[in-house]
Every structure is written in structure tokens, then in C-alpha cells.
Protein backbone atom coordinates (compact mmCIF):
# COMPACT_ATOMS: atom_id res chain seq x y z
CA MET A 1 -4.70 -44.28 2.31
CA ALA A 2 -1.36 -45.63 1.10
CA ASP A 3 -0.71 -49.38 1.24
CA GLU A 4 1.73 -51.22 -0.99
CA PRO A 5 1.13 -50.11 -4.61
CA ILE A 6 -1.05 -52.46 -6.64
CA ASP A 7 0.26 -53.64 -10.00
CA LEU A 8 -2.08 -52.40 -12.73
CA SER A 9 -0.79 -54.53 -15.58
CA ALA A 10 -3.86 -56.78 -15.40
CA GLY A 11 -6.26 -54.07 -14.26
CA VAL A 12 -7.81 -53.54 -10.84
CA ALA A 13 -11.27 -54.13 -9.42
CA LEU A 14 -13.35 -50.97 -9.24
CA ALA A 15 -14.39 -51.93 -5.72
CA ASP A 16 -10.75 -51.87 -4.60
CA ILE A 17 -10.55 -48.13 -5.27
CA PRO A 18 -11.85 -46.32 -2.17
CA ALA A 19 -14.61 -43.81 -2.81
CA ASP A 20 -13.20 -41.38 -0.26
CA GLY A 21 -9.46 -41.91 -0.70
CA THR A 22 -6.90 -42.92 -3.30
CA LEU A 23 -5.36 -46.22 -4.31
CA ALA A 24 -1.57 -46.38 -4.63
CA ALA A 25 -0.61 -48.31 -7.74
CA GLN A 26 2.17 -48.88 -10.23
CA LEU A 27 2.38 -49.51 -13.94
CA ASP A 28 5.52 -50.17 -15.94
CA GLY A 29 7.66 -48.84 -13.08
CA ALA A 30 5.68 -45.61 -12.68
CA GLN A 31 3.98 -44.71 -9.39
CA LEU A 32 0.31 -43.85 -9.82
CA MET A 33 -2.77 -43.21 -7.76
CA LEU A 34 -6.34 -44.00 -8.71
CA ALA A 35 -9.34 -42.00 -7.50
CA ARG A 36 -13.06 -42.44 -8.00
CA TRP A 37 -15.26 -39.39 -8.45
CA THR A 38 -18.75 -38.54 -9.65
CA ASP A 39 -19.63 -35.80 -12.13
CA ALA A 40 -22.61 -33.44 -11.99
CA THR A 41 -24.83 -35.98 -13.78
CA GLY A 42 -24.10 -38.68 -11.23
CA ARG A 43 -21.85 -40.66 -13.53
CA GLU A 44 -18.87 -42.33 -11.86
CA HIS A 45 -15.32 -41.94 -13.18
CA VAL A 46 -11.84 -43.09 -12.27
CA SER A 47 -8.79 -40.87 -12.63
CA ALA A 48 -5.30 -42.30 -12.91
CA LEU A 49 -2.63 -39.76 -12.03
CA ASP A 50 1.04 -39.67 -11.15
CA ALA A 51 1.35 -40.25 -7.41
CA ILE A 52 4.34 -37.98 -6.87
CA CYS A 53 3.87 -34.32 -5.90
CA THR A 54 5.26 -32.06 -8.62
CA HIS A 55 6.62 -29.68 -6.00
CA SER A 56 8.33 -31.85 -3.41
CA GLY A 57 8.42 -35.42 -4.67
CA ALA A 58 6.21 -36.62 -1.79
CA LYS A 59 3.98 -39.64 -2.29
CA LEU A 60 0.52 -38.13 -2.52
CA PRO A 61 -1.36 -41.27 -1.39
CA THR A 62 0.29 -40.79 2.02
CA GLY A 63 -1.54 -37.46 2.33
CA ILE A 64 -5.28 -37.02 2.76
CA ARG A 65 -8.25 -36.62 0.44
CA THR A 66 -11.04 -34.12 0.98
CA GLY A 67 -13.76 -34.12 -1.64
CA ASP A 68 -12.02 -34.32 -5.00
CA THR A 69 -8.77 -32.86 -3.67
CA VAL A 70 -5.61 -34.63 -2.53
CA HIS A 71 -3.35 -32.82 -0.04
CA CYS A 72 0.43 -33.33 -0.15
CA PRO A 73 1.78 -34.40 3.27
CA PHE A 74 5.02 -32.44 2.93
CA HIS A 75 4.14 -28.84 2.06
CA HIS A 76 0.34 -28.98 1.83
CA ALA A 77 0.08 -28.42 -1.91
CA CYS A 78 -3.25 -29.59 -3.36
CA PHE A 79 -4.27 -31.26 -6.60
CA ASP A 80 -7.65 -31.84 -8.23
CA LEU A 81 -8.11 -35.60 -8.39
CA ARG A 82 -10.43 -35.27 -11.39
CA THR A 83 -7.97 -33.33 -13.50
CA GLY A 84 -4.51 -33.54 -11.94
CA GLU A 85 -4.41 -29.76 -11.84
CA ALA A 86 -2.36 -28.09 -9.09
CA THR A 87 -4.89 -26.04 -7.13
CA VAL A 88 -2.97 -24.86 -4.06
CA ALA A 89 0.66 -23.72 -3.85
CA PRO A 90 3.48 -24.44 -3.49
CA ALA A 91 2.67 -26.78 -6.40
CA TYR A 92 1.85 -25.20 -9.74
CA LYS A 93 2.70 -27.96 -12.20
CA PRO A 94 -0.09 -30.51 -12.86
CA LEU A 95 0.17 -34.23 -12.33
CA LYS A 96 0.62 -36.35 -15.42
CA ARG A 97 -2.59 -38.08 -16.41
CA TRP A 98 -3.00 -41.67 -17.50
CA GLN A 99 -5.92 -43.15 -19.40
CA ALA A 100 -8.31 -45.04 -17.08
CA ASP A 101 -11.18 -47.04 -18.59
CA ILE A 102 -13.96 -48.70 -16.61
CA ASP A 103 -14.89 -52.05 -18.12
CA GLY A 104 -17.68 -53.50 -16.03
CA ASP A 105 -16.22 -54.10 -12.57
CA THR A 106 -12.62 -53.63 -13.68
CA VAL A 107 -10.51 -50.56 -14.32
CA HIS A 108 -7.77 -50.72 -16.95
CA VAL A 109 -5.04 -48.08 -17.04
CA ARG A 110 -2.71 -47.22 -19.89
CA ASP A 111 -0.35 -44.42 -20.73
CA ALA A 112 -2.26 -41.79 -22.70
CA ALA A 113 -0.92 -41.85 -26.22
CA PRO A 114 0.25 -38.50 -27.64
CA GLU A 115 -2.29 -38.78 -30.45
CA ASP A 116 -5.07 -38.80 -27.85
CA GLU A 117 -4.16 -35.36 -26.56
CA PRO A 118 -5.53 -33.05 -29.30
CA ALA A 119 -8.99 -34.58 -29.09
CA LEU A 120 -8.97 -34.50 -25.30
CA ARG A 121 -7.83 -30.90 -25.26
CA GLU A 122 -10.41 -29.85 -27.84
CA ALA A 123 -13.16 -31.50 -25.81
CA ALA A 124 -11.96 -29.80 -22.66
CA ASP A 125 -11.75 -26.38 -24.28
CA SER A 126 -15.20 -26.67 -25.86
CA GLY A 127 -16.85 -28.13 -22.79
CA THR A 128 -18.15 -31.12 -24.75
CA ALA A 129 -16.19 -33.76 -22.86
CA GLU A 130 -18.72 -36.30 -21.60
CA SER A 131 -16.71 -37.14 -18.52
CA GLY A 132 -16.48 -33.59 -17.20
CA PRO A 133 -13.06 -32.21 -16.24
CA LEU A 134 -10.25 -34.00 -18.00
CA PRO A 135 -6.90 -34.80 -16.39
CA GLY A 136 -4.48 -31.99 -16.99
CA THR A 137 -7.19 -29.47 -17.89
CA PRO A 138 -6.41 -26.05 -16.31
CA GLU A 139 -9.25 -24.20 -14.66
CA ARG A 140 -10.26 -21.29 -16.88
CA VAL A 141 -11.23 -17.99 -15.23
CA GLU A 142 -13.61 -15.65 -17.00
CA ASN A 143 -12.29 -12.09 -17.36
CA LEU A 144 -15.34 -10.42 -15.83
CA ARG A 145 -13.54 -7.12 -15.21
CA GLY A 146 -12.38 -6.81 -18.80
CA VAL A 147 -8.74 -6.53 -17.78
CA GLU A 148 -6.38 -6.07 -20.73
CA ARG A 149 -3.16 -4.98 -18.99
CA VAL A 150 -1.71 -6.47 -15.80
CA VAL A 151 1.41 -5.14 -14.13
CA VAL A 152 3.08 -7.23 -11.43
CA VAL A 153 5.74 -5.48 -9.32
CA GLY A 154 8.04 -8.02 -7.70
CA GLY A 155 9.66 -11.20 -8.96
CA GLY A 156 9.48 -13.33 -5.82
CA ALA A 157 7.00 -16.03 -4.85
CA ALA A 158 3.86 -13.89 -5.03
CA GLY A 159 4.80 -12.13 -8.26
CA PHE A 160 5.71 -15.39 -9.94
CA ALA A 161 2.50 -17.09 -8.82
CA THR A 162 0.40 -14.20 -10.14
CA VAL A 163 1.97 -14.38 -13.58
CA GLU A 164 1.91 -18.17 -13.80
CA ARG A 165 -1.70 -18.42 -12.63
CA LEU A 166 -2.90 -15.75 -15.05
CA ARG A 167 -1.59 -17.66 -18.02
CA ARG A 168 -2.83 -20.97 -16.65
CA ALA A 169 -6.26 -19.38 -16.22
CA ALA A 170 -6.24 -18.59 -19.97
CA TYR A 171 -5.86 -14.83 -19.52
CA THR A 172 -4.60 -13.58 -22.91
CA GLY A 173 -4.02 -9.91 -22.17
CA ALA A 174 -0.71 -8.13 -21.57
CA ILE A 175 1.41 -9.01 -18.53
CA THR A 176 4.39 -6.94 -17.43
CA LEU A 177 6.57 -8.35 -14.66
CA VAL A 178 8.79 -5.71 -13.03
CA SER A 179 11.48 -7.25 -10.85
CA GLY A 180 14.49 -5.70 -9.19
CA GLU A 181 16.08 -9.15 -8.98
CA PRO A 182 18.96 -9.80 -11.40
CA HIS A 183 17.28 -13.00 -12.56
CA LEU A 184 13.88 -14.45 -13.34
CA PRO A 185 11.89 -15.93 -10.41
CA ILE A 186 13.63 -18.63 -8.39
CA ASP A 187 12.65 -20.95 -5.55
CA ARG A 188 13.98 -18.91 -2.66
CA THR A 189 13.28 -21.71 -0.17
CA LEU A 190 16.08 -23.72 -1.75
CA LEU A 191 18.64 -21.05 -0.91
CA SER A 192 18.72 -21.88 2.79
CA LYS A 193 17.42 -25.44 2.57
CA GLY A 194 19.55 -26.91 -0.22
CA TYR A 195 21.62 -24.53 -2.29
CA LEU A 196 23.58 -23.20 0.67
CA ASP A 197 24.64 -26.64 1.90
CA GLY A 198 25.52 -27.88 -1.58
CA SER A 199 22.72 -30.43 -1.97
CA ALA A 200 20.89 -28.42 -4.65
CA GLU A 201 22.56 -27.11 -7.80
CA ALA A 202 21.90 -23.65 -9.19
CA SER A 203 20.01 -25.26 -12.07
CA LYS A 204 17.31 -26.28 -9.57
CA LEU A 205 16.57 -22.70 -8.52
CA PRO A 206 14.47 -21.31 -11.43
CA LEU A 207 10.76 -21.86 -10.87
CA LEU A 208 10.23 -22.15 -14.62
CA PRO A 209 12.66 -22.23 -17.56
CA ASP A 210 13.76 -18.79 -18.67
CA ASP A 211 12.16 -19.23 -22.08
CA TRP A 212 8.73 -19.85 -20.52
CA TYR A 213 8.14 -16.12 -20.05
CA ALA A 214 8.71 -15.15 -23.67
CA ALA A 215 6.82 -18.22 -24.85
CA HIS A 216 3.83 -17.10 -22.77
CA ASP A 217 4.09 -13.47 -23.83
CA VAL A 218 5.21 -12.14 -20.45
CA ASP A 219 7.15 -8.87 -20.65
CA ALA A 220 9.70 -9.64 -17.92
CA ARG A 221 11.71 -6.55 -17.00
CA ILE A 222 14.54 -7.89 -14.87
CA GLY A 223 16.80 -5.68 -12.77
CA VAL A 224 14.22 -2.91 -13.00
CA HIS A 225 12.56 -1.10 -10.10
CA ALA A 226 9.20 0.63 -9.92
CA THR A 227 9.58 4.11 -8.43
CA ALA A 228 6.02 5.47 -8.36
CA ILE A 229 2.38 4.50 -8.84
CA ASP A 230 -0.37 6.80 -10.04
CA THR A 231 -3.53 4.96 -9.03
CA ALA A 232 -5.80 7.61 -10.61
CA GLU A 233 -4.18 7.35 -14.04
CA ARG A 234 -3.24 3.67 -13.50
CA ILE A 235 0.42 4.13 -14.38
CA VAL A 236 3.57 2.60 -12.88
CA THR A 237 6.78 4.61 -13.32
CA LEU A 238 10.06 2.70 -13.57
CA ASP A 239 13.57 3.75 -12.56
CA SER A 240 14.40 4.24 -16.23
CA GLY A 241 11.70 6.89 -16.45
CA ALA A 242 9.48 4.63 -18.55
CA GLU A 243 5.79 4.42 -17.72
CA VAL A 244 3.65 1.28 -17.89
CA GLY A 245 -0.12 1.48 -17.84
CA TYR A 246 -2.31 -1.10 -16.16
CA ASP A 247 -5.91 -2.17 -15.66
CA ALA A 248 -4.90 -4.34 -12.70
CA LEU A 249 -1.82 -4.02 -10.52
CA VAL A 250 -0.32 -6.58 -8.14
CA LEU A 251 2.25 -5.33 -5.64
CA ALA A 252 4.54 -8.13 -4.52
CA THR A 253 7.62 -6.15 -3.53
CA GLY A 254 8.71 -8.57 -0.80
CA ALA A 255 10.94 -7.70 2.11
CA THR A 256 14.49 -6.60 2.90
CA PRO A 257 16.69 -8.40 5.47
CA ALA A 258 17.38 -6.38 8.60
CA ARG A 259 20.98 -5.22 8.88
CA PRO A 260 21.66 -3.47 12.20
CA GLU A 261 23.32 -0.07 12.05
CA LEU A 262 26.17 -1.27 14.23
CA PRO A 263 29.92 -0.83 13.77
CA GLY A 264 31.27 -3.36 11.28
CA PHE A 265 27.93 -4.72 10.11
CA ASP A 266 28.48 -3.08 6.74
CA ARG A 267 31.75 -4.95 6.17
CA ASP A 268 32.25 -7.32 3.23
CA ASP A 269 32.45 -10.25 5.65
CA ALA A 270 29.02 -9.49 7.15
CA PHE A 271 26.35 -11.22 5.08
CA VAL A 272 22.58 -11.48 4.88
CA LEU A 273 20.60 -14.12 2.97
CA ARG A 274 17.74 -13.12 0.72
CA GLY A 275 18.66 -13.70 -2.91
CA GLN A 276 20.82 -16.00 -4.99
CA GLN A 277 23.71 -13.55 -5.02
CA ASP A 278 23.66 -13.46 -1.22
CA ALA A 279 23.80 -17.26 -1.10
CA GLN A 280 26.65 -17.39 -3.60
CA ALA A 281 28.64 -14.89 -1.54
CA ILE A 282 28.10 -16.89 1.66
CA ILE A 283 29.07 -20.12 -0.10
CA ALA A 284 32.29 -18.59 -1.45
CA ALA A 285 33.20 -17.24 1.99
CA ALA A 286 32.33 -20.53 3.71
CA GLN A 287 34.39 -22.53 1.23
CA SER A 288 37.35 -20.26 1.92
CA VAL A 289 36.88 -20.67 5.66
CA ALA A 290 36.54 -24.46 5.34
CA SER A 291 39.68 -24.65 3.20
CA GLU A 292 41.71 -22.61 5.65
CA ALA A 293 40.35 -24.62 8.58
CA ALA A 294 41.31 -28.00 7.10
CA GLY A 295 43.20 -29.90 9.75
CA SER A 296 42.99 -27.12 12.34
CA GLY A 297 39.29 -26.57 13.03
CA ALA A 298 40.17 -22.97 13.87
CA LYS A 299 37.83 -21.18 11.47
CA ARG A 300 34.24 -20.29 12.41
CA VAL A 301 31.05 -18.74 11.04
CA ILE A 302 28.98 -16.64 13.43
CA VAL A 303 25.24 -16.55 12.78
CA VAL A 304 23.68 -13.49 14.37
CA GLY A 305 20.04 -14.31 14.99
CA SER A 306 18.26 -17.57 15.73
CA GLY A 307 15.14 -17.43 13.59
CA PHE A 308 14.32 -20.03 10.98
CA ILE A 309 16.63 -18.61 8.31
CA GLY A 310 19.50 -18.13 10.76
CA LEU A 311 19.26 -21.70 12.00
CA GLU A 312 18.92 -23.10 8.48
CA VAL A 313 22.10 -21.20 7.59
CA ALA A 314 23.76 -22.74 10.65
CA ALA A 315 22.71 -26.22 9.48
CA ALA A 316 24.08 -25.53 5.99
CA MET A 317 27.42 -24.40 7.36
CA ARG A 318 27.73 -27.47 9.56
CA THR A 319 26.93 -29.64 6.54
CA ARG A 320 29.91 -27.95 4.89
CA LYS A 321 32.01 -28.89 7.95
CA VAL A 322 32.42 -25.30 9.09
CA ALA A 323 32.30 -24.51 12.83
CA VAL A 324 29.28 -22.40 13.79
CA THR A 325 28.31 -20.21 16.71
CA VAL A 326 24.76 -18.87 16.87
CA VAL A 327 24.28 -15.63 18.79
CA SER A 328 20.70 -15.44 20.02
CA ARG A 329 18.85 -12.90 22.12
CA SER A 330 16.91 -15.82 23.59
CA GLU A 331 18.28 -18.76 25.53
CA LEU A 332 15.79 -20.97 23.66
CA PRO A 333 15.69 -19.97 20.00
CA LEU A 334 12.29 -20.12 18.26
CA ALA A 335 10.41 -20.48 21.56
CA ARG A 336 8.20 -17.52 20.63
CA GLN A 337 7.29 -19.10 17.28
CA LEU A 338 7.11 -22.81 18.17
CA GLY A 339 6.69 -23.04 21.92
CA ALA A 340 9.19 -24.54 24.34
CA ASP A 341 8.80 -28.20 23.32
CA LEU A 342 9.49 -27.89 19.59
CA ALA A 343 12.00 -25.09 20.13
CA GLY A 344 13.91 -27.32 22.51
CA LEU A 345 13.98 -30.05 19.89
CA VAL A 346 15.34 -27.67 17.24
CA LYS A 347 18.08 -26.43 19.54
CA SER A 348 19.08 -29.99 20.42
CA LEU A 349 19.28 -30.92 16.72
CA HIS A 350 21.85 -28.18 16.22
CA GLU A 351 23.79 -28.93 19.38
CA GLU A 352 24.06 -32.57 18.30
CA GLN A 353 25.74 -31.31 15.13
CA GLY A 354 28.25 -29.21 17.06
CA VAL A 355 26.60 -25.79 16.84
CA GLU A 356 27.45 -23.57 19.79
CA PHE A 357 24.86 -21.13 21.17
CA VAL A 358 25.66 -17.84 22.89
CA THR A 359 22.96 -15.68 24.46
CA GLY A 360 23.36 -11.97 23.85
CA SER A 361 22.85 -9.02 21.51
CA PRO A 362 25.50 -7.85 19.03
CA ALA A 363 27.29 -4.55 19.52
CA SER A 364 30.06 -4.50 16.88
CA TRP A 365 32.03 -6.64 14.45
CA ASP A 366 35.65 -6.08 13.35
CA GLY A 367 36.19 -9.07 11.07
CA ALA A 368 37.52 -11.31 13.82
CA VAL A 369 35.56 -10.56 16.98
CA LEU A 370 31.86 -10.02 17.50
CA GLU A 371 31.42 -7.91 20.62
CA LEU A 372 28.17 -8.25 22.53
CA GLU A 373 26.27 -5.57 24.43
CA ASP A 374 27.12 -7.21 27.76
CA GLY A 375 30.84 -7.07 26.97
CA GLY A 376 31.14 -10.70 25.94
CA THR A 377 32.95 -11.64 22.74
CA VAL A 378 32.62 -14.33 20.06
CA HIS A 379 35.53 -15.06 17.75
CA GLY A 380 34.90 -15.91 14.11
CA ASP A 381 35.85 -15.27 10.50
CA LEU A 382 32.57 -14.06 9.03
CA ILE A 383 29.06 -13.32 10.21
CA VAL A 384 25.70 -14.06 8.66
CA VAL A 385 22.94 -11.82 9.97
CA GLY A 386 19.51 -13.39 10.32
CA LEU A 387 17.51 -10.85 12.30
CA GLY A 388 14.31 -10.87 10.29
CA VAL A 389 13.07 -8.69 7.45
CA SER A 390 11.17 -5.48 6.87
CA PRO A 391 8.35 -5.36 4.29
CA ASN A 392 9.04 -3.16 1.27
CA THR A 393 5.93 -1.00 1.57
CA GLU A 394 7.44 2.35 0.54
CA LEU A 395 6.02 2.22 -2.99
CA ALA A 396 2.51 1.42 -1.75
CA GLU A 397 2.65 4.02 0.99
CA ALA A 398 3.75 6.75 -1.42
CA ALA A 399 0.82 5.82 -3.65
CA GLY A 400 -1.59 6.45 -0.78
CA LEU A 401 -2.50 2.83 -0.12
CA PRO A 402 -3.35 1.85 3.48
CA VAL A 403 -0.21 0.57 5.23
CA THR A 404 -0.13 -0.76 8.80
CA ASP A 405 2.75 -3.20 9.23
CA GLY A 406 2.05 -4.16 5.64
CA VAL A 407 -0.30 -3.19 2.86
CA VAL A 408 -3.83 -3.83 4.11
CA VAL A 409 -5.94 -6.01 1.82
CA ASP A 410 -9.26 -7.79 2.07
CA ALA A 411 -9.90 -11.54 1.89
CA TYR A 412 -9.57 -11.33 -1.91
CA GLY A 413 -6.13 -9.70 -1.75
CA GLU A 414 -7.42 -6.33 -2.99
CA THR A 415 -6.56 -2.98 -1.42
CA THR A 416 -9.03 -0.15 -0.91
CA VAL A 417 -8.21 0.95 -4.46
CA ARG A 418 -10.12 -1.19 -6.94
CA GLY A 419 -7.84 -3.12 -9.23
CA VAL A 420 -4.79 -2.80 -6.96
CA PHE A 421 -3.77 -5.95 -5.11
CA ALA A 422 -0.96 -6.80 -2.69
CA ALA A 423 0.48 -10.23 -2.00
CA GLY A 424 3.37 -11.89 -0.25
CA ASP A 425 5.52 -10.47 2.53
CA ILE A 426 4.08 -6.96 2.20
CA ALA A 427 0.41 -7.92 2.54
CA ARG A 428 -1.59 -7.66 5.76
CA PHE A 429 -4.65 -9.83 5.25
CA PRO A 430 -7.52 -11.39 7.22
CA ASP A 431 -6.44 -14.69 8.77
CA PRO A 432 -8.86 -17.35 7.43
CA VAL A 433 -8.81 -19.02 10.85
CA THR A 434 -9.37 -16.07 13.21
CA GLY A 435 -10.43 -13.22 10.92
CA ARG A 436 -7.88 -10.82 12.39
CA LEU A 437 -5.40 -8.98 10.18
CA ILE A 438 -1.98 -10.64 10.04
CA ARG A 439 1.18 -10.41 7.97
CA VAL A 440 3.33 -13.51 7.49
CA GLU A 441 6.57 -14.17 5.66
CA HIS A 442 5.92 -17.67 4.35
CA TRP A 443 6.80 -18.87 0.85
CA ALA A 444 3.67 -20.99 0.38
CA GLN A 445 1.45 -18.18 1.64
CA ALA A 446 3.02 -15.75 -0.83
CA GLU A 447 2.45 -18.11 -3.75
CA ARG A 448 -1.12 -18.78 -2.69
CA ALA A 449 -1.84 -15.06 -2.34
CA GLY A 450 -0.33 -14.35 -5.75
CA ALA A 451 -2.41 -17.04 -7.43
CA LEU A 452 -5.52 -15.75 -5.68
CA ALA A 453 -4.78 -12.20 -6.83
CA ALA A 454 -4.56 -13.49 -10.41
CA ILE A 455 -8.03 -15.00 -10.17
CA ASN A 456 -9.62 -12.07 -8.38
CA LEU A 457 -8.18 -9.29 -10.51
CA LEU A 458 -10.10 -10.89 -13.36
CA GLY A 459 -13.26 -10.80 -11.25
CA GLY A 460 -13.13 -14.24 -9.70
CA GLN A 461 -14.13 -13.19 -6.15
CA GLU A 462 -12.46 -16.14 -4.41
CA PRO A 463 -11.56 -15.42 -0.77
CA LEU A 464 -8.47 -16.79 0.91
CA THR A 465 -9.45 -19.98 2.74
CA GLU A 466 -6.11 -21.76 3.16
CA PRO A 467 -4.52 -21.33 6.61
CA PRO A 468 -0.96 -19.96 6.55
CA PHE A 469 1.63 -22.71 6.23
CA PHE A 470 5.40 -23.00 6.40
CA TRP A 471 8.07 -25.61 6.80
CA SER A 472 11.63 -25.54 8.07
CA LYS A 473 14.38 -28.13 7.66
CA HIS A 474 17.21 -28.70 10.12
CA TYR A 475 19.61 -31.40 8.92
CA SER A 476 17.37 -34.44 8.27
CA THR A 477 14.46 -33.23 10.40
CA SER A 478 11.61 -31.11 9.04
CA LEU A 479 8.99 -29.11 10.90
CA ARG A 480 5.57 -28.17 9.53
CA MET A 481 3.25 -25.50 10.85
CA ALA A 482 -0.27 -24.67 9.68
CA GLY A 483 -2.15 -21.63 10.93
CA HIS A 484 -0.83 -18.58 12.74
CA ALA A 485 -0.21 -18.45 16.48
CA GLU A 486 -0.03 -14.99 18.02
CA SER A 487 0.72 -16.71 21.33
CA VAL A 488 2.32 -20.08 22.07
CA GLU A 489 1.65 -20.03 25.80
CA ASP A 490 -1.32 -22.40 25.55
CA ALA A 491 0.22 -25.38 23.74
CA GLU A 492 -0.87 -29.01 23.87
CA VAL A 493 1.68 -31.63 22.84
CA GLU A 494 0.58 -34.94 21.34
CA GLY A 495 3.42 -37.46 21.07
CA SER A 496 7.09 -36.99 21.93
CA THR A 497 9.32 -34.21 20.65
CA ALA A 498 12.33 -36.07 22.06
CA GLU A 499 11.53 -38.93 19.69
CA LYS A 500 10.91 -36.47 16.84
CA SER A 501 7.29 -37.56 16.55
CA ALA A 502 4.86 -34.99 17.86
CA VAL A 503 2.06 -32.59 17.05
CA VAL A 504 1.51 -29.37 18.96
CA ARG A 505 -1.81 -27.51 19.04
CA PHE A 506 -1.73 -23.80 19.84
CA THR A 507 -4.91 -22.41 21.36
CA GLU A 508 -6.15 -18.87 21.91
CA GLN A 509 -9.38 -18.14 23.77
CA GLY A 510 -10.46 -21.75 23.49
CA ARG A 511 -9.84 -22.13 19.76
CA VAL A 512 -6.98 -23.87 18.01
CA THR A 513 -5.25 -21.31 15.80
CA ALA A 514 -2.20 -23.28 14.66
CA ILE A 515 -0.85 -26.81 14.37
CA ALA A 516 2.85 -27.66 14.32
CA GLY A 517 4.43 -31.06 13.96
CA VAL A 518 7.55 -33.12 13.49
CA GLY A 519 7.51 -36.65 12.10
CA GLN A 520 3.70 -36.51 11.89
CA ASP A 521 3.02 -35.15 8.42
CA ARG A 522 -0.32 -36.85 7.87
CA ARG A 523 -1.54 -35.99 11.36
CA VAL A 524 -0.76 -32.31 10.80
CA LEU A 525 -2.83 -32.46 7.59
CA GLU A 526 -5.73 -34.12 9.39
CA LEU A 527 -5.75 -31.58 12.20
CA GLU A 528 -5.42 -28.68 9.77
CA GLU A 529 -8.53 -29.93 8.00
CA GLU A 530 -10.41 -30.69 11.23
CA LEU A 531 -9.51 -27.64 13.32
CA LEU A 532 -8.35 -24.79 11.07
CA ARG A 533 -10.92 -24.78 8.28
CA GLN A 534 -13.91 -23.51 10.22
CA PRO A 535 -15.21 -20.06 9.22
CA ALA A 536 -13.36 -17.25 11.00
CA GLY A 537 -15.04 -16.47 14.28
CA ALA A 538 -16.83 -19.85 14.45
């Protein structure tokens, strides 16, 4: 799907553009992709769009095409090839469109002039555009439920996606975003994957510029907590005592990092990582440790827990040249999530970078020594606790919503109370692959659920069809996983994990429920499409 880009300065033959793929191209130094598609009348068109994913910078022609959708090979974002619109998170910004004209058997591409835009937009808004959807045209959603007031509680991935998608869907009613965070929504994935190791500046964290919210008439109440919900009267009470009425409510309250009630784990040198302030505190402490360790190598960070966040923190600390010991309850970290083969690869990546692993459970911390339950000790200068999170379901539970390891919702993201939705880390939803109720703590899943809630609270009735997806980066190696594996005992490896080029299929009762891979981004996409998009129970 992605050969060497073709120069478009003299045009390109229509026949050279595959009907079921994309053509990588370039024009005046810009990377483009061309796609052929047919409208409802049978008329053929060619779209010319930027070829770079607006979320990750991946080259979209190296992904796959299904229908009129292109799938990003990195984080499985999707774009409409007819319009350039971002249709599946983690992307939300559209691809830039270029003007493509079919002249007989040749396609000519030019940069759309600014003066073209008003006419194109007017045609799109009125529905009179002869060519059907126009590049860059957002999908409008009819407000069938007559919603005039939306309240979103939570400023993380799901809350952000709900607000952004509502405005992109042309919803013009009131939106109130209630967030206990001290800042507007940020890309939390960057905290452990870039910000912590110094490769991403703080300016890269905001998901949208701060002025976007006011410009789009979003009442963003930052540093504010919701304390109660009256579902009968449709009122949310805030910690200030103020009350906010709603016609539709989206609960996206996220999760809280686990902090064991053990001696010393409440000290100032015992950290967790959830928000930007947590990351800044860890960075400051790590910089101090690195400065003191210069020339001696005597200073050390202890990471308590060997999940994805804990190991990404370990990688960030090693990138900052700080010695790291990971204390894990398991001899093979991540084996329960990834299976032995991929877990072994991850552990080896860290060991190659000098990370030391100790098997055991913490008992106490005194600022210099972490004592383990078996009497063993680990010496260090600070600890970062990565022992998972707990969903913040207290607000929902007090409101009488069904809560069982998360707020239970249907395939549309709605609770048993009409007009009340839950999304993100707190939601327990039907897995599109198996149909069983699951709760996951994935960034992309939270954004997708938030966007879906935005559509469905207006009456859209679109079920969740995207399998859960997450990615994790360890130094220069990234892992991708699509689907949700309750068990990793039945795993089939294709390729070689030792060579960092493998795909693993996880099977339960004869059906593949998840695909994980390293160095095989396109293959993971292909298998996700082939094996995980059957109707649940098929």
C-alpha cells in the first residue's frame, strides 16, 4: 500500500491509484495520499489528503484501507478517505485536504486556495455539493433527543473526547466541563512516554489550545469537583455548592492510582504518576538524584510495580541516566497481560538498559530502604509506585447507578438511566469481540467511548464496534495490542520476539480475542480487521 511516493507535479494516471488502497505521493515537498472512491450515484472521485496521521505522525499509506477508511499503523486511529475527517480516536484532528481534479485519465492535484474554502464549506453545509462529502467536512449528528444542556464530569481522555466530538458534530447547545484537574485536558499518554524522559516539552501536553474551549462556548470549570448527582431532577452539585442542570450527563471521572497503606508510602519521596503535577514532581526528584549521583552512580530510583506505567517510568528514569530497580510481585513482569513471549522481550529490553529486577512485595519505606515482606531490602533514594488504579465510581454509586467493578453501560455507553452515560476508566461495557462486560484502562478506548457518548446522547444510536486497543513504549521499542485477553494461556506466536518482530494471537474457547505485536504494525492491523471485527458471539 505504500511504495515510494509519486511526484504529482505533472499529475498521475487515474489507473495508478488503487481502487482498494491508497497511493503515496508528494507535491512541493508535502507528503500526500490519493484515494479513489465512489459516491451514492456511482460517480468516481479522487481525494488528495495529507499522508501523515494527525495524532502520531505515522505514514498512513503504510496502514490499511477498509472501505473508505484508512487505519493508522501506529495507534489505530481512522480517517475517512473521502473527507479527511478523523473518525476513530486517538486522532481527532482532520487531515488537510488538497484539490484533486480528474481530467480524462489523469488526476491533477493542487493546494486548495483559501478563497475556495467558503464555497466548499457552504456546499457541504447545504448538502448541495455534487461530489458528496468534501475533504475536511465534519460529520453532523442530528439532535434527535432535543438535548440543550450537556454536563461532562471529568477532564481526562473520555471527557475531552465527548466535548470535542459534540462541537465537531455541530451540537450548538450548552456544554459544561467539570474537571478536578488543575488544567484543561492534556495527553496523559505523553506523561510516561515522553514528558517524563525529557523528550516531550510541557507545551506538547494540551490536547487543544486553552482558548479553544472559550472559542467553542464550552464552560470549562477547572479544579472543580462534582459531589452529587440527582438523576430525577437532572442536577449535578459541585463542591462550591453550585448546581448545574443537564439534559444529558457523561461521567468520565477516571481512576486514582493505588497507594498501599504501608509505612512510609505517604512520604514526600514516594510518588505515583497520574497527572502532570505528579510527573513534574518525579522529574524534579529524578533530576536531583541524577545530579547527586554524577560521577558516583550511587543514587537510585525504586519502581514499585511492574505494569505498563511502572515499566515506562523505569525506561524514562534510565533515559535520564538514573539507576533503577523494579520491585515486582512476578518474576516475569507483564506475563499476565502479554503472555510469556512478549513479557520476556519487555523484561530483556529493560535489563539491556541496566534496570535491575527484584521479586517481592513491599512492606515499608523509610526514605532510604524499601523493606520487602520476605525480609529482603532494596536501597534507593525515592520510590515511584505503579500498582494499578481504582476507578472513581463513588459519584455514580451514590447516584444509584449500577456499579460492578465500574459503571455498567450498554453498547452505546448509556447507563440504565436514560440520558446518563459513562466512559473511560470507570465504564464497564460489552466487549465488541466477545460480548462480555469488561472494564479497561486504555487511553484510546476512553477517547473512543467519549466520542461515542457524544453521538449517542444526541440520539445517534451507534454501538461500540472498535476492539479495545493500547500501546506501550519501552525505549525505542513499541508494543501494540488490539482486543482484550482475559487469559493469555493459549497464545500463538508468529515471528520472533527475540528479533523484535512478532505477532501473538490470544485465543479463548477457539476464538481469537486479542492480537499483540512488536515490529509488525501493519500485520496487527490486518489481523485486527480479520479476526476481531466479527459480531460478538460469532
